Amino acid sequence: MPASYALSRPVRTPLLHRGLALALFGLLATANTAQAKDHITLGAGVIATPRYEGSDEYKGRTIPIINARIGRFYARTEDGVGLSLIQSENLALEAGANMMWGYGGDDVPPGIGGLSDAIGARLGLSANFSGAIFSIAATQAVTHRDRGLLIKSRVAYPYAATDRLMLTPSVTANWANEKYMNGYFGVNSTQSSRSGLAQYHPTSGLKDVSLRLTAGYAVTKRLKVSTGVATSRLVGDAADSPIVKQKTQFETLLGGSYSF
């Protein structure tokens, strides 16, 4: 549930890019991001996801599910680790560190090269209004500072279909600054000569919008199985990048988690 361009990009073994899966599993692990009770949920999931944003090829991956809160400390698959500065039933303000995932050189068009992961400083705000969860979070790279800034906004509406089944539709939009856009979608002169693609230098703006539907079924009080589907559409300068082969992409996932 993905930055400034450079002369070369270090190749890395692909783990999980920014992707929809992180956002999906963030919703699967807990229905209310503003909940104040201590909890620990651990699990794993399997996803089918694009090789990179804009790819027309998909691959299967295994990812962990982590959702924990102890006092003011939190750790979540999607949001990293940090502290709650404000925490109540309907409002949460958090500060911490999160990963800005890159991709492997084998996942992108030949000559583009891989993009290393970076650690980002994250500030997030979420609020619950009449059952709907509104959230916005900004992540700024602190390692590989030229990786840039990503701002994610989301609206989700957890709905209890039965005592055991929770459905969560959501809408997400991501805005990125020029450095981020160039890191993930730009093509500099070196990459152009190696790949044969035209040089491309995108500017800041809305990067993508996505729709998701997740379902979590409580097998027992502590054990839950989850599934989800998502579609994402690249827009603006991101969609016009020469490395983008498919603007609309999809993801599916299946996972299980246990709450302690």
C-alpha atoms as a PDB file:
ATOM      1  CA  MET A   1       0.000   0.000   0.000  1.00  0.00           C
ATOM      2  CA  PRO A   2       8.425   5.284  -3.573  1.00  0.00           C
ATOM      3  CA  ALA A   3      13.111  11.897  -4.242  1.00  0.00           C
ATOM      4  CA  SER A   4      15.836  14.159  -6.491  1.00  0.00           C
ATOM      5  CA  TYR A   5      17.463  12.551  -9.449  1.00  0.00           C
ATOM      6  CA  ALA A   6      21.154  11.652  -9.305  1.00  0.00           C
ATOM      7  CA  LEU A   7      23.823  10.474 -11.742  1.00  0.00           C
ATOM      8  CA  SER A   8      23.305   6.920 -10.572  1.00  0.00           C
ATOM      9  CA  ARG A   9      21.072   4.973  -8.251  1.00  0.00           C
ATOM     10  CA  PRO A  10      22.439   2.249  -5.917  1.00  0.00           C
ATOM     11  CA  VAL A  11      20.946  -1.153  -6.609  1.00  0.00           C
ATOM     12  CA  ARG A  12      19.145  -2.840  -3.750  1.00  0.00           C
ATOM     13  CA  THR A  13      17.375  -6.117  -3.242  1.00  0.00           C
ATOM     14  CA  PRO A  14      13.665  -5.268  -3.522  1.00  0.00           C
ATOM     15  CA  LEU A  15      11.677  -5.615  -0.316  1.00  0.00           C
ATOM     16  CA  LEU A  16       8.489  -3.605  -0.464  1.00  0.00           C
ATOM     17  CA  HIS A  17       8.206  -0.271  -2.265  1.00  0.00           C
ATOM     18  CA  ARG A  18       6.041   2.553  -0.996  1.00  0.00           C
ATOM     19  CA  GLY A  19       3.161   0.557  -2.469  1.00  0.00           C
ATOM     20  CA  LEU A  20      -0.460   0.276  -1.527  1.00  0.00           C
ATOM     21  CA  ALA A  21       0.183  -2.791   0.606  1.00  0.00           C
ATOM     22  CA  LEU A  22       1.584  -0.769   3.494  1.00  0.00           C
ATOM     23  CA  ALA A  23      -1.459   1.436   3.621  1.00  0.00           C
ATOM     24  CA  LEU A  24      -3.765  -1.551   3.290  1.00  0.00           C
ATOM     25  CA  PHE A  25      -2.158  -3.453   6.104  1.00  0.00           C
ATOM     26  CA  GLY A  26      -2.183  -0.344   8.258  1.00  0.00           C
ATOM     27  CA  LEU A  27      -5.966  -0.446   7.985  1.00  0.00           C
ATOM     28  CA  LEU A  28      -6.182  -4.198   8.397  1.00  0.00           C
ATOM     29  CA  ALA A  29      -4.269  -4.171  11.638  1.00  0.00           C
ATOM     30  CA  THR A  30      -6.550  -1.687  13.360  1.00  0.00           C
ATOM     31  CA  ALA A  31      -9.856  -0.079  12.488  1.00  0.00           C
ATOM     32  CA  ASN A  32      -9.225   3.166  14.365  1.00  0.00           C
ATOM     33  CA  THR A  33      -5.853   4.906  14.097  1.00  0.00           C
ATOM     34  CA  ALA A  34      -6.781   7.178  16.977  1.00  0.00           C
ATOM     35  CA  GLN A  35      -7.389   4.409  19.506  1.00  0.00           C
ATOM     36  CA  ALA A  36      -5.612   5.017  22.810  1.00  0.00           C
ATOM     37  CA  LYS A  37      -5.557   1.509  24.348  1.00  0.00           C
ATOM     38  CA  ASP A  38      -2.293  -0.418  24.556  1.00  0.00           C
ATOM     39  CA  HIS A  39      -2.121  -3.332  22.111  1.00  0.00           C
ATOM     40  CA  ILE A  40       0.331  -5.561  20.236  1.00  0.00           C
ATOM     41  CA  THR A  41      -0.613  -7.229  16.946  1.00  0.00           C
ATOM     42  CA  LEU A  42       1.839  -9.281  14.886  1.00  0.00           C
ATOM     43  CA  GLY A  43       1.390 -11.274  11.715  1.00  0.00           C
ATOM     44  CA  ALA A  44       2.358 -11.754   8.077  1.00  0.00           C
ATOM     45  CA  GLY A  45       0.773 -11.376   4.669  1.00  0.00           C
ATOM     46  CA  VAL A  46       1.281 -12.190   1.001  1.00  0.00           C
ATOM     47  CA  ILE A  47       0.659  -9.548  -1.664  1.00  0.00           C
ATOM     48  CA  ALA A  48       0.647  -9.313  -5.427  1.00  0.00           C
ATOM     49  CA  THR A  49       2.067  -5.883  -6.250  1.00  0.00           C
ATOM     50  CA  PRO A  50       3.669  -3.983  -9.163  1.00  0.00           C
ATOM     51  CA  ARG A  51       7.462  -4.229  -9.390  1.00  0.00           C
ATOM     52  CA  TYR A  52       7.611  -0.417  -9.112  1.00  0.00           C
ATOM     53  CA  GLU A  53       5.157   2.455  -9.427  1.00  0.00           C
ATOM     54  CA  GLY A  54       4.235   2.515 -13.091  1.00  0.00           C
ATOM     55  CA  SER A  55       5.303  -1.055 -13.872  1.00  0.00           C
ATOM     56  CA  ASP A  56       3.170  -3.350 -16.028  1.00  0.00           C
ATOM     57  CA  GLU A  57       4.630  -6.429 -14.311  1.00  0.00           C
ATOM     58  CA  TYR A  58       3.610  -7.858 -10.945  1.00  0.00           C
ATOM     59  CA  LYS A  59       5.299 -10.030  -8.351  1.00  0.00           C
ATOM     60  CA  GLY A  60       4.372 -11.779  -5.114  1.00  0.00           C
ATOM     61  CA  ARG A  61       5.925 -10.688  -1.836  1.00  0.00           C
ATOM     62  CA  THR A  62       5.681 -11.551   1.840  1.00  0.00           C
ATOM     63  CA  ILE A  63       5.465  -8.700   4.355  1.00  0.00           C
ATOM     64  CA  PRO A  64       5.154  -8.458   8.140  1.00  0.00           C
ATOM     65  CA  ILE A  65       2.094  -7.053   9.899  1.00  0.00           C
ATOM     66  CA  ILE A  66       3.032  -4.965  12.925  1.00  0.00           C
ATOM     67  CA  ASN A  67       0.673  -2.792  14.937  1.00  0.00           C
ATOM     68  CA  ALA A  68       1.677  -2.017  18.507  1.00  0.00           C
ATOM     69  CA  ARG A  69       1.085   0.705  21.055  1.00  0.00           C
ATOM     70  CA  ILE A  70       2.582   0.799  24.548  1.00  0.00           C
ATOM     71  CA  GLY A  71       1.885   4.048  26.329  1.00  0.00           C
ATOM     72  CA  ARG A  72       2.882   6.783  23.904  1.00  0.00           C
ATOM     73  CA  PHE A  73       5.142   4.529  21.831  1.00  0.00           C
ATOM     74  CA  TYR A  74       3.813   3.097  18.559  1.00  0.00           C
ATOM     75  CA  ALA A  75       5.156   0.728  15.885  1.00  0.00           C
ATOM     76  CA  ARG A  76       3.203   0.057  12.675  1.00  0.00           C
ATOM     77  CA  THR A  77       4.049  -1.510   9.338  1.00  0.00           C
ATOM     78  CA  GLU A  78       2.881   1.521   7.413  1.00  0.00           C
ATOM     79  CA  ASP A  79       3.919   4.337   9.750  1.00  0.00           C
ATOM     80  CA  GLY A  80       7.201   3.138  11.275  1.00  0.00           C
ATOM     81  CA  VAL A  81       7.990   3.858  14.926  1.00  0.00           C
ATOM     82  CA  GLY A  82       7.567   6.928  17.099  1.00  0.00           C
ATOM     83  CA  LEU A  83       5.687   8.658  19.893  1.00  0.00           C
ATOM     84  CA  SER A  84       2.168  10.023  20.247  1.00  0.00           C
ATOM     85  CA  LEU A  85       2.342  13.704  21.140  1.00  0.00           C
ATOM     86  CA  ILE A  86      -1.450  13.872  21.478  1.00  0.00           C
ATOM     87  CA  GLN A  87      -3.560  10.748  21.921  1.00  0.00           C
ATOM     88  CA  SER A  88      -7.288  10.570  22.597  1.00  0.00           C
ATOM     89  CA  GLU A  89     -10.269   8.588  21.390  1.00  0.00           C
ATOM     90  CA  ASN A  90     -10.870  10.925  18.439  1.00  0.00           C
ATOM     91  CA  LEU A  91      -7.549  12.681  17.807  1.00  0.00           C
ATOM     92  CA  ALA A  92      -3.914  11.610  17.452  1.00  0.00           C
ATOM     93  CA  LEU A  93      -0.744  13.581  16.666  1.00  0.00           C
ATOM     94  CA  GLU A  94       2.387  11.485  16.136  1.00  0.00           C
ATOM     95  CA  ALA A  95       6.081  12.055  15.407  1.00  0.00           C
ATOM     96  CA  GLY A  96       8.568   9.366  14.482  1.00  0.00           C
ATOM     97  CA  ALA A  97      10.666   7.685  11.806  1.00  0.00           C
ATOM     98  CA  ASN A  98       9.479   5.752   8.768  1.00  0.00           C
ATOM     99  CA  MET A  99      10.972   4.026   5.717  1.00  0.00           C
ATOM    100  CA  MET A 100      10.856   5.512   2.240  1.00  0.00           C
ATOM    101  CA  TRP A 101      11.185   2.352   0.149  1.00  0.00           C
ATOM    102  CA  GLY A 102      13.185   2.181  -3.044  1.00  0.00           C
ATOM    103  CA  TYR A 103      13.313  -0.598  -5.626  1.00  0.00           C
ATOM    104  CA  GLY A 104      15.742  -3.007  -7.228  1.00  0.00           C
ATOM    105  CA  GLY A 105      17.584  -2.400 -10.466  1.00  0.00           C
ATOM    106  CA  ASP A 106      16.010  -5.537 -11.940  1.00  0.00           C
ATOM    107  CA  ASP A 107      12.509  -4.154 -11.350  1.00  0.00           C
ATOM    108  CA  VAL A 108      12.801  -0.999 -13.469  1.00  0.00           C
ATOM    109  CA  PRO A 109      13.619  -0.544 -17.183  1.00  0.00           C
ATOM    110  CA  PRO A 110      17.250  -1.431 -18.059  1.00  0.00           C
ATOM    111  CA  GLY A 111      19.636   1.481 -17.572  1.00  0.00           C
ATOM    112  CA  ILE A 112      17.579   3.278 -14.914  1.00  0.00           C
ATOM    113  CA  GLY A 113      19.214   1.539 -11.941  1.00  0.00           C
ATOM    114  CA  GLY A 114      17.938   0.732  -8.480  1.00  0.00           C
ATOM    115  CA  LEU A 115      16.885   3.240  -5.840  1.00  0.00           C
ATOM    116  CA  SER A 116      18.072   2.704  -2.264  1.00  0.00           C
ATOM    117  CA  ASP A 117      15.812   2.872   0.777  1.00  0.00           C
ATOM    118  CA  ALA A 118      15.854   5.978   2.951  1.00  0.00           C
ATOM    119  CA  ILE A 119      14.800   6.750   6.506  1.00  0.00           C
ATOM    120  CA  GLY A 120      12.326   9.592   6.824  1.00  0.00           C
ATOM    121  CA  ALA A 121      11.097  11.797   9.665  1.00  0.00           C
ATOM    122  CA  ARG A 122       7.317  11.478   9.908  1.00  0.00           C
ATOM    123  CA  LEU A 123       4.656  13.764  11.397  1.00  0.00           C
ATOM    124  CA  GLY A 124       1.093  12.452  11.298  1.00  0.00           C
ATOM    125  CA  LEU A 125      -2.343  13.693  12.361  1.00  0.00           C
ATOM    126  CA  SER A 126      -5.531  11.608  12.419  1.00  0.00           C
ATOM    127  CA  ALA A 127      -9.051  12.340  13.596  1.00  0.00           C
ATOM    128  CA  ASN A 128     -12.278  10.355  13.935  1.00  0.00           C
ATOM    129  CA  PHE A 129     -15.515  12.079  12.940  1.00  0.00           C
ATOM    130  CA  SER A 130     -18.755  10.087  13.120  1.00  0.00           C
ATOM    131  CA  GLY A 131     -16.900   6.839  12.449  1.00  0.00           C
ATOM    132  CA  ALA A 132     -14.847   8.134   9.505  1.00  0.00           C
ATOM    133  CA  ILE A 133     -11.076   8.411   9.964  1.00  0.00           C
ATOM    134  CA  PHE A 134      -9.345  11.395   8.387  1.00  0.00           C
ATOM    135  CA  SER A 135      -5.543  11.359   8.355  1.00  0.00           C
ATOM    136  CA  ILE A 136      -2.633  13.282   6.904  1.00  0.00           C
ATOM    137  CA  ALA A 137       1.072  12.497   7.295  1.00  0.00           C
ATOM    138  CA  ALA A 138       4.253  14.119   5.986  1.00  0.00           C
ATOM    139  CA  THR A 139       7.500  12.140   5.618  1.00  0.00           C
ATOM    140  CA  GLN A 140      10.784  13.960   4.882  1.00  0.00           C
ATOM    141  CA  ALA A 141      13.929  11.961   4.044  1.00  0.00           C
ATOM    142  CA  VAL A 142      16.719  12.386   6.591  1.00  0.00           C
ATOM    143  CA  THR A 143      19.086   9.847   5.048  1.00  0.00           C
ATOM    144  CA  HIS A 144      19.560  10.439   1.326  1.00  0.00           C
ATOM    145  CA  ARG A 145      18.126  13.912   1.940  1.00  0.00           C
ATOM    146  CA  ASP A 146      17.679  14.415  -1.789  1.00  0.00           C
ATOM    147  CA  ARG A 147      14.926  11.771  -1.569  1.00  0.00           C
ATOM    148  CA  GLY A 148      12.466  14.556  -0.785  1.00  0.00           C
ATOM    149  CA  LEU A 149       9.069  14.913   0.863  1.00  0.00           C
ATOM    150  CA  LEU A 150       5.859  12.885   0.572  1.00  0.00           C
ATOM    151  CA  ILE A 151       2.505  13.990   2.016  1.00  0.00           C
ATOM    152  CA  LYS A 152      -0.236  11.362   2.280  1.00  0.00           C
ATOM    153  CA  SER A 153      -3.901  12.118   3.001  1.00  0.00           C
ATOM    154  CA  ARG A 154      -6.565   9.475   3.509  1.00  0.00           C
ATOM    155  CA  VAL A 155     -10.211   9.029   4.415  1.00  0.00           C
ATOM    156  CA  ALA A 156     -11.329   5.606   5.672  1.00  0.00           C
ATOM    157  CA  TYR A 157     -14.634   4.320   6.987  1.00  0.00           C
ATOM    158  CA  PRO A 158     -14.447   1.087   9.033  1.00  0.00           C
ATOM    159  CA  TYR A 159     -17.808  -0.690   8.991  1.00  0.00           C
ATOM    160  CA  ALA A 160     -18.772  -3.672  11.152  1.00  0.00           C
ATOM    161  CA  ALA A 161     -20.734  -5.886   8.749  1.00  0.00           C
ATOM    162  CA  THR A 162     -21.123  -8.525  11.503  1.00  0.00           C
ATOM    163  CA  ASP A 163     -19.713  -9.127  14.963  1.00  0.00           C
ATOM    164  CA  ARG A 164     -16.689 -10.779  13.322  1.00  0.00           C
ATOM    165  CA  LEU A 165     -16.369  -9.078   9.925  1.00  0.00           C
ATOM    166  CA  MET A 166     -14.974  -5.554   9.538  1.00  0.00           C
ATOM    167  CA  LEU A 167     -15.020  -3.849   6.117  1.00  0.00           C
ATOM    168  CA  THR A 168     -12.929  -0.734   5.478  1.00  0.00           C
ATOM    169  CA  PRO A 169     -13.225   1.256   2.247  1.00  0.00           C
ATOM    170  CA  SER A 170     -10.754   4.117   1.872  1.00  0.00           C
ATOM    171  CA  VAL A 171      -9.520   6.813  -0.497  1.00  0.00           C
ATOM    172  CA  THR A 172      -5.892   8.011  -0.478  1.00  0.00           C
ATOM    173  CA  ALA A 173      -4.049  10.815  -2.279  1.00  0.00           C
ATOM    174  CA  ASN A 174      -0.286  11.397  -2.262  1.00  0.00           C
ATOM    175  CA  TRP A 175       1.509  14.694  -2.959  1.00  0.00           C
ATOM    176  CA  ALA A 176       5.291  14.759  -3.531  1.00  0.00           C
ATOM    177  CA  ASN A 177       7.823  17.555  -3.881  1.00  0.00           C
ATOM    178  CA  GLU A 178      10.188  17.938  -6.846  1.00  0.00           C
ATOM    179  CA  LYS A 179      13.039  15.991  -5.261  1.00  0.00           C
ATOM    180  CA  TYR A 180      10.824  13.012  -4.536  1.00  0.00           C
ATOM    181  CA  MET A 181       9.278  13.078  -8.014  1.00  0.00           C
ATOM    182  CA  ASN A 182      12.687  13.158  -9.689  1.00  0.00           C
ATOM    183  CA  GLY A 183      13.975  10.310  -7.552  1.00  0.00           C
ATOM    184  CA  TYR A 184      11.135   7.968  -8.468  1.00  0.00           C
ATOM    185  CA  PHE A 185      10.016   9.186 -11.891  1.00  0.00           C
ATOM    186  CA  GLY A 186      12.843  11.340 -13.296  1.00  0.00           C
ATOM    187  CA  VAL A 187      15.340  10.315 -15.979  1.00  0.00           C
ATOM    188  CA  ASN A 188      18.677  12.167 -15.882  1.00  0.00           C
ATOM    189  CA  SER A 189      21.233  12.368 -18.690  1.00  0.00           C
ATOM    190  CA  THR A 190      23.186   9.302 -17.553  1.00  0.00           C
ATOM    191  CA  GLN A 191      20.074   7.185 -17.210  1.00  0.00           C
ATOM    192  CA  SER A 192      18.830   8.446 -20.564  1.00  0.00           C
ATOM    193  CA  SER A 193      22.022   7.400 -22.366  1.00  0.00           C
ATOM    194  CA  ARG A 194      21.959   3.983 -20.689  1.00  0.00           C
ATOM    195  CA  SER A 195      18.262   3.245 -21.160  1.00  0.00           C
ATOM    196  CA  GLY A 196      17.432   5.024 -24.408  1.00  0.00           C
ATOM    197  CA  LEU A 197      14.580   6.849 -22.669  1.00  0.00           C
ATOM    198  CA  ALA A 198      14.182  10.604 -23.006  1.00  0.00           C
ATOM    199  CA  GLN A 199      15.417  12.826 -20.182  1.00  0.00           C
ATOM    200  CA  TYR A 200      12.615  13.803 -17.824  1.00  0.00           C
ATOM    201  CA  HIS A 201      12.519  16.177 -14.854  1.00  0.00           C
ATOM    202  CA  PRO A 202       9.094  16.219 -13.150  1.00  0.00           C
ATOM    203  CA  THR A 203       8.042  18.944 -10.738  1.00  0.00           C
ATOM    204  CA  SER A 204       6.155  18.757  -7.440  1.00  0.00           C
ATOM    205  CA  GLY A 205       2.457  17.950  -7.370  1.00  0.00           C
ATOM    206  CA  LEU A 206      -0.201  15.311  -6.797  1.00  0.00           C
ATOM    207  CA  LYS A 207       1.380  11.925  -7.485  1.00  0.00           C
ATOM    208  CA  ASP A 208      -1.395   9.354  -7.246  1.00  0.00           C
ATOM    209  CA  VAL A 209      -4.864   8.576  -5.927  1.00  0.00           C
ATOM    210  CA  SER A 210      -6.096   5.167  -4.831  1.00  0.00           C
ATOM    211  CA  LEU A 211      -9.219   3.291  -3.792  1.00  0.00           C
ATOM    212  CA  ARG A 212      -9.102   0.343  -1.401  1.00  0.00           C
ATOM    213  CA  LEU A 213     -11.371  -2.155   0.235  1.00  0.00           C
ATOM    214  CA  THR A 214     -10.112  -4.341   3.059  1.00  0.00           C
ATOM    215  CA  ALA A 215     -11.885  -7.011   5.067  1.00  0.00           C
ATOM    216  CA  GLY A 216     -10.839  -8.397   8.436  1.00  0.00           C
ATOM    217  CA  TYR A 217     -12.477 -11.494   9.928  1.00  0.00           C
ATOM    218  CA  ALA A 218     -12.027 -12.337  13.617  1.00  0.00           C
ATOM    219  CA  VAL A 219     -11.546 -16.113  13.778  1.00  0.00           C
ATOM    220  CA  THR A 220     -11.144 -15.783  17.538  1.00  0.00           C
ATOM    221  CA  LYS A 221     -10.837 -12.840  19.908  1.00  0.00           C
ATOM    222  CA  ARG A 222      -7.099 -12.653  19.151  1.00  0.00           C
ATOM    223  CA  LEU A 223      -6.688 -14.258  15.713  1.00  0.00           C
ATOM    224  CA  LYS A 224      -7.752 -12.402  12.570  1.00  0.00           C
ATOM    225  CA  VAL A 225      -7.474 -13.108   8.848  1.00  0.00           C
ATOM    226  CA  SER A 226      -7.525 -10.219   6.400  1.00  0.00           C
ATOM    227  CA  THR A 227      -7.805  -9.647   2.686  1.00  0.00           C
ATOM    228  CA  GLY A 228      -7.907  -6.600   0.463  1.00  0.00           C
ATOM    229  CA  VAL A 229      -7.961  -5.214  -3.055  1.00  0.00           C
ATOM    230  CA  ALA A 230      -6.771  -1.830  -4.257  1.00  0.00           C
ATOM    231  CA  THR A 231      -6.416   0.198  -7.417  1.00  0.00           C
ATOM    232  CA  SER A 232      -4.119   3.186  -7.800  1.00  0.00           C
ATOM    233  CA  ARG A 233      -3.850   5.792 -10.571  1.00  0.00           C
ATOM    234  CA  LEU A 234      -0.705   7.828 -11.223  1.00  0.00           C
ATOM    235  CA  VAL A 235      -1.510  11.431 -12.148  1.00  0.00           C
ATOM    236  CA  GLY A 236       0.253  14.625 -13.196  1.00  0.00           C
ATOM    237  CA  ASP A 237       3.997  14.581 -13.861  1.00  0.00           C
ATOM    238  CA  ALA A 238       4.339  11.116 -12.320  1.00  0.00           C
ATOM    239  CA  ALA A 239       1.977   9.637 -14.906  1.00  0.00           C
ATOM    240  CA  ASP A 240       3.897  11.296 -17.781  1.00  0.00           C
ATOM    241  CA  SER A 241       7.271   9.766 -16.827  1.00  0.00           C
ATOM    242  CA  PRO A 242       9.004   7.688 -19.557  1.00  0.00           C
ATOM    243  CA  ILE A 243       9.506   4.848 -17.057  1.00  0.00           C
ATOM    244  CA  VAL A 244       5.746   4.534 -16.452  1.00  0.00           C
ATOM    245  CA  LYS A 245       4.294   1.703 -18.528  1.00  0.00           C
ATOM    246  CA  GLN A 246       0.928   1.472 -16.798  1.00  0.00           C
ATOM    247  CA  LYS A 247      -0.741   4.394 -15.039  1.00  0.00           C
ATOM    248  CA  THR A 248      -3.471   2.335 -13.351  1.00  0.00           C
ATOM    249  CA  GLN A 249      -2.244  -0.470 -11.100  1.00  0.00           C
ATOM    250  CA  PHE A 250      -3.743  -3.056  -8.781  1.00  0.00           C
ATOM    251  CA  GLU A 251      -2.856  -4.970  -5.639  1.00  0.00           C
ATOM    252  CA  THR A 252      -4.356  -7.902  -3.800  1.00  0.00           C
ATOM    253  CA  LEU A 253      -3.375  -9.269  -0.421  1.00  0.00           C
ATOM    254  CA  LEU A 254      -4.082 -11.984   2.110  1.00  0.00           C
ATOM    255  CA  GLY A 255      -2.773 -12.060   5.666  1.00  0.00           C
ATOM    256  CA  GLY A 256      -3.240 -13.155   9.236  1.00  0.00           C
ATOM    257  CA  SER A 257      -2.445 -11.547  12.564  1.00  0.00           C
ATOM    258  CA  TYR A 258      -2.511 -12.349  16.284  1.00  0.00           C
ATOM    259  CA  SER A 259      -3.169  -9.845  19.061  1.00  0.00           C
ATOM    260  CA  PHE A 260      -1.442 -10.294  22.410  1.00  0.00           C
END
